Amino acid sequence: MLISYFGNIVKSLIPILLGVAVVVFFWGIIQYLFTDAKEKGSKLMFWGIIALFVMVSIWGLVAFLQVEFLTGLPLTPPPNINPLP
């Protein structure tokens, strides 16, 4: 019960955190292009890309481990293929 509750909270936070990382990246682009704070903008773009890379990598690693060790079935089966007999 508690693990399921915690898992639902994490599932809800992942898209929010990805959205924040994308906003930080685009805010860095805006600062780099339209203000005099080019160094600050480039740092924001760099950290936005790093955050996106880390989050997507961890997301993929968790999905891989889930398929390999927990379910044995792909998370999203290819179209027109029913994984269960």
N, C-alpha and C. Protein backbone atom coordinates (compact mmCIF):
# COMPACT_ATOMS: atom_id res chain seq x y z
N MET A 1 0.82 -1.19 0.00
CA MET A 1 0.00 0.00 0.00
C MET A 1 0.87 1.26 0.00
N LEU A 2 1.83 1.31 0.92
CA LEU A 2 2.70 2.48 1.02
C LEU A 2 3.60 2.60 -0.21
N ILE A 3 4.09 1.49 -0.70
CA ILE A 3 4.94 1.51 -1.89
C ILE A 3 4.14 1.98 -3.10
N SER A 4 2.92 1.52 -3.23
CA SER A 4 2.06 1.95 -4.32
C SER A 4 1.77 3.45 -4.25
N TYR A 5 1.51 3.93 -3.05
CA TYR A 5 1.25 5.36 -2.86
C TYR A 5 2.47 6.18 -3.24
N PHE A 6 3.64 5.76 -2.80
CA PHE A 6 4.88 6.46 -3.13
C PHE A 6 5.15 6.41 -4.63
N GLY A 7 4.87 5.26 -5.25
CA GLY A 7 5.06 5.13 -6.70
C GLY A 7 4.16 6.06 -7.48
N ASN A 8 2.93 6.25 -7.01
CA ASN A 8 2.01 7.17 -7.68
C ASN A 8 2.48 8.62 -7.56
N ILE A 9 3.05 8.97 -6.42
CA ILE A 9 3.59 10.32 -6.25
C ILE A 9 4.76 10.55 -7.19
N VAL A 10 5.65 9.58 -7.29
CA VAL A 10 6.81 9.71 -8.18
C VAL A 10 6.36 9.79 -9.63
N LYS A 11 5.35 8.99 -10.01
CA LYS A 11 4.83 9.04 -11.38
C LYS A 11 4.28 10.42 -11.71
N SER A 12 3.68 11.06 -10.73
CA SER A 12 3.12 12.39 -10.95
C SER A 12 4.22 13.45 -11.04
N LEU A 13 5.31 13.26 -10.33
CA LEU A 13 6.38 14.26 -10.30
C LEU A 13 7.28 14.22 -11.53
N ILE A 14 7.42 13.08 -12.16
CA ILE A 14 8.34 12.97 -13.30
C ILE A 14 7.99 13.94 -14.42
N PRO A 15 6.74 13.99 -14.91
CA PRO A 15 6.45 14.96 -15.98
C PRO A 15 6.61 16.41 -15.52
N ILE A 16 6.32 16.69 -14.26
CA ILE A 16 6.48 18.05 -13.76
C ILE A 16 7.95 18.45 -13.76
N LEU A 17 8.81 17.56 -13.29
CA LEU A 17 10.24 17.86 -13.27
C LEU A 17 10.82 17.98 -14.67
N LEU A 18 10.37 17.14 -15.59
CA LEU A 18 10.82 17.27 -16.98
C LEU A 18 10.38 18.61 -17.55
N GLY A 19 9.17 19.02 -17.24
CA GLY A 19 8.67 20.32 -17.70
C GLY A 19 9.49 21.47 -17.14
N VAL A 20 9.86 21.38 -15.86
CA VAL A 20 10.69 22.42 -15.24
C VAL A 20 12.05 22.49 -15.93
N ALA A 21 12.64 21.34 -16.23
CA ALA A 21 13.95 21.33 -16.90
C ALA A 21 13.85 21.95 -18.30
N VAL A 22 12.77 21.68 -19.01
CA VAL A 22 12.59 22.27 -20.34
C VAL A 22 12.41 23.78 -20.22
N VAL A 23 11.65 24.23 -19.23
CA VAL A 23 11.46 25.68 -19.03
C VAL A 23 12.78 26.35 -18.69
N VAL A 24 13.60 25.73 -17.85
CA VAL A 24 14.90 26.29 -17.51
C VAL A 24 15.77 26.39 -18.75
N PHE A 25 15.75 25.37 -19.59
CA PHE A 25 16.55 25.41 -20.82
C PHE A 25 16.09 26.55 -21.73
N PHE A 26 14.79 26.66 -21.95
CA PHE A 26 14.30 27.73 -22.82
C PHE A 26 14.49 29.11 -22.20
N TRP A 27 14.41 29.22 -20.88
CA TRP A 27 14.69 30.50 -20.24
C TRP A 27 16.15 30.88 -20.45
N GLY A 28 17.04 29.91 -20.44
CA GLY A 28 18.44 30.18 -20.75
C GLY A 28 18.63 30.65 -22.18
N ILE A 29 17.88 30.06 -23.11
CA ILE A 29 17.95 30.51 -24.51
C ILE A 29 17.49 31.95 -24.63
N ILE A 30 16.39 32.27 -23.97
CA ILE A 30 15.86 33.64 -24.03
C ILE A 30 16.86 34.62 -23.44
N GLN A 31 17.45 34.28 -22.31
CA GLN A 31 18.44 35.17 -21.72
C GLN A 31 19.67 35.30 -22.60
N TYR A 32 20.08 34.23 -23.23
CA TYR A 32 21.27 34.28 -24.08
C TYR A 32 21.03 35.14 -25.33
N LEU A 33 19.85 35.03 -25.91
CA LEU A 33 19.58 35.73 -27.16
C LEU A 33 19.16 37.19 -26.97
N PHE A 34 18.40 37.48 -25.93
CA PHE A 34 17.75 38.79 -25.86
C PHE A 34 18.23 39.68 -24.73
N THR A 35 19.15 39.24 -23.90
CA THR A 35 19.66 40.10 -22.83
C THR A 35 21.17 40.15 -22.90
N ASP A 36 21.73 40.95 -22.00
CA ASP A 36 23.19 41.06 -21.95
C ASP A 36 23.81 39.99 -21.06
N ALA A 37 22.98 39.17 -20.41
CA ALA A 37 23.48 38.13 -19.50
C ALA A 37 23.74 36.83 -20.27
N LYS A 38 24.64 36.89 -21.22
CA LYS A 38 24.92 35.73 -22.07
C LYS A 38 25.55 34.58 -21.28
N GLU A 39 26.42 34.90 -20.33
CA GLU A 39 27.06 33.84 -19.55
C GLU A 39 26.03 33.13 -18.67
N LYS A 40 25.14 33.90 -18.05
CA LYS A 40 24.10 33.30 -17.21
C LYS A 40 23.16 32.46 -18.06
N GLY A 41 22.83 32.94 -19.25
CA GLY A 41 21.96 32.18 -20.15
C GLY A 41 22.60 30.88 -20.60
N SER A 42 23.88 30.92 -20.90
CA SER A 42 24.54 29.69 -21.34
C SER A 42 24.64 28.68 -20.19
N LYS A 43 24.82 29.16 -18.96
CA LYS A 43 24.84 28.26 -17.81
C LYS A 43 23.48 27.61 -17.60
N LEU A 44 22.41 28.40 -17.75
CA LEU A 44 21.07 27.84 -17.61
C LEU A 44 20.78 26.80 -18.69
N MET A 45 21.21 27.08 -19.91
CA MET A 45 21.01 26.10 -20.98
C MET A 45 21.79 24.82 -20.67
N PHE A 46 23.02 24.96 -20.21
CA PHE A 46 23.85 23.80 -19.89
C PHE A 46 23.20 22.96 -18.81
N TRP A 47 22.78 23.57 -17.70
CA TRP A 47 22.19 22.82 -16.60
C TRP A 47 20.82 22.28 -16.96
N GLY A 48 20.09 22.97 -17.83
CA GLY A 48 18.81 22.43 -18.31
C GLY A 48 19.01 21.15 -19.11
N ILE A 49 20.01 21.16 -19.99
CA ILE A 49 20.31 19.95 -20.78
C ILE A 49 20.80 18.82 -19.88
N ILE A 50 21.64 19.14 -18.91
CA ILE A 50 22.14 18.12 -17.98
C ILE A 50 20.97 17.51 -17.20
N ALA A 51 20.06 18.36 -16.70
CA ALA A 51 18.91 17.86 -15.94
C ALA A 51 18.03 16.97 -16.81
N LEU A 52 17.77 17.38 -18.05
CA LEU A 52 16.97 16.56 -18.96
C LEU A 52 17.64 15.22 -19.21
N PHE A 53 18.94 15.24 -19.47
CA PHE A 53 19.66 14.01 -19.75
C PHE A 53 19.61 13.05 -18.56
N VAL A 54 19.85 13.58 -17.37
CA VAL A 54 19.86 12.73 -16.17
C VAL A 54 18.47 12.14 -15.92
N MET A 55 17.43 12.97 -16.02
CA MET A 55 16.08 12.49 -15.74
C MET A 55 15.63 11.45 -16.75
N VAL A 56 15.88 11.69 -18.02
CA VAL A 56 15.47 10.73 -19.04
C VAL A 56 16.29 9.45 -18.94
N SER A 57 17.57 9.57 -18.60
CA SER A 57 18.40 8.38 -18.44
C SER A 57 17.92 7.52 -17.28
N ILE A 58 17.61 8.15 -16.15
CA ILE A 58 17.12 7.39 -15.00
C ILE A 58 15.76 6.78 -15.32
N TRP A 59 14.91 7.53 -16.01
CA TRP A 59 13.60 7.03 -16.40
C TRP A 59 13.75 5.78 -17.28
N GLY A 60 14.66 5.84 -18.24
CA GLY A 60 14.91 4.69 -19.11
C GLY A 60 15.51 3.52 -18.36
N LEU A 61 16.43 3.79 -17.43
CA LEU A 61 17.04 2.73 -16.65
C LEU A 61 16.00 2.03 -15.77
N VAL A 62 15.12 2.80 -15.15
CA VAL A 62 14.06 2.21 -14.33
C VAL A 62 13.12 1.37 -15.19
N ALA A 63 12.77 1.87 -16.37
CA ALA A 63 11.90 1.10 -17.26
C ALA A 63 12.58 -0.20 -17.70
N PHE A 64 13.86 -0.13 -18.01
CA PHE A 64 14.60 -1.33 -18.40
C PHE A 64 14.64 -2.35 -17.27
N LEU A 65 14.96 -1.89 -16.06
CA LEU A 65 15.02 -2.79 -14.92
C LEU A 65 13.65 -3.38 -14.60
N GLN A 66 12.61 -2.59 -14.78
CA GLN A 66 11.26 -3.08 -14.54
C GLN A 66 10.91 -4.20 -15.51
N VAL A 67 11.25 -4.02 -16.78
CA VAL A 67 10.96 -5.04 -17.77
C VAL A 67 11.78 -6.29 -17.52
N GLU A 68 13.04 -6.13 -17.22
CA GLU A 68 13.93 -7.27 -17.08
C GLU A 68 13.70 -8.07 -15.79
N PHE A 69 13.40 -7.39 -14.70
CA PHE A 69 13.36 -8.09 -13.42
C PHE A 69 11.97 -8.22 -12.80
N LEU A 70 11.02 -7.37 -13.16
CA LEU A 70 9.73 -7.42 -12.50
C LEU A 70 8.64 -8.05 -13.35
N THR A 71 8.44 -7.56 -14.57
CA THR A 71 7.30 -8.03 -15.35
C THR A 71 7.68 -9.00 -16.45
N GLY A 72 8.80 -8.78 -17.09
CA GLY A 72 9.17 -9.61 -18.22
C GLY A 72 8.47 -9.22 -19.50
N LEU A 73 7.56 -8.26 -19.42
CA LEU A 73 6.84 -7.78 -20.60
C LEU A 73 7.26 -6.35 -20.89
N PRO A 74 7.29 -5.96 -22.14
CA PRO A 74 7.61 -4.56 -22.45
C PRO A 74 6.55 -3.63 -21.88
N LEU A 75 6.97 -2.40 -21.57
CA LEU A 75 6.03 -1.43 -21.03
C LEU A 75 4.96 -1.05 -22.04
N THR A 76 5.37 -0.86 -23.26
CA THR A 76 4.41 -0.56 -24.33
C THR A 76 4.69 -1.52 -25.47
N PRO A 77 3.85 -2.52 -25.66
CA PRO A 77 4.11 -3.48 -26.73
C PRO A 77 3.97 -2.83 -28.10
N PRO A 78 4.66 -3.38 -29.08
CA PRO A 78 4.54 -2.85 -30.44
C PRO A 78 3.08 -2.98 -30.91
N PRO A 79 2.67 -2.14 -31.85
CA PRO A 79 1.28 -2.21 -32.31
C PRO A 79 0.98 -3.55 -32.97
N ASN A 80 -0.26 -3.99 -32.82
CA ASN A 80 -0.77 -5.21 -33.43
C ASN A 80 -0.11 -6.48 -32.88
N ILE A 81 0.54 -6.39 -31.73
CA ILE A 81 1.13 -7.58 -31.13
C ILE A 81 0.58 -7.68 -29.70
N ASN A 82 -0.04 -8.78 -29.42
CA ASN A 82 -0.56 -9.03 -28.09
C ASN A 82 0.46 -9.88 -27.34
N PRO A 83 1.09 -9.33 -26.28
CA PRO A 83 2.14 -10.08 -25.60
C PRO A 83 1.60 -11.25 -24.77
N LEU A 84 0.33 -11.23 -24.45
CA LEU A 84 -0.25 -12.31 -23.66
C LEU A 84 -0.99 -13.29 -24.57
N PRO A 85 -0.86 -14.59 -24.33
CA PRO A 85 -1.57 -15.56 -25.20
C PRO A 85 -3.06 -15.58 -24.95
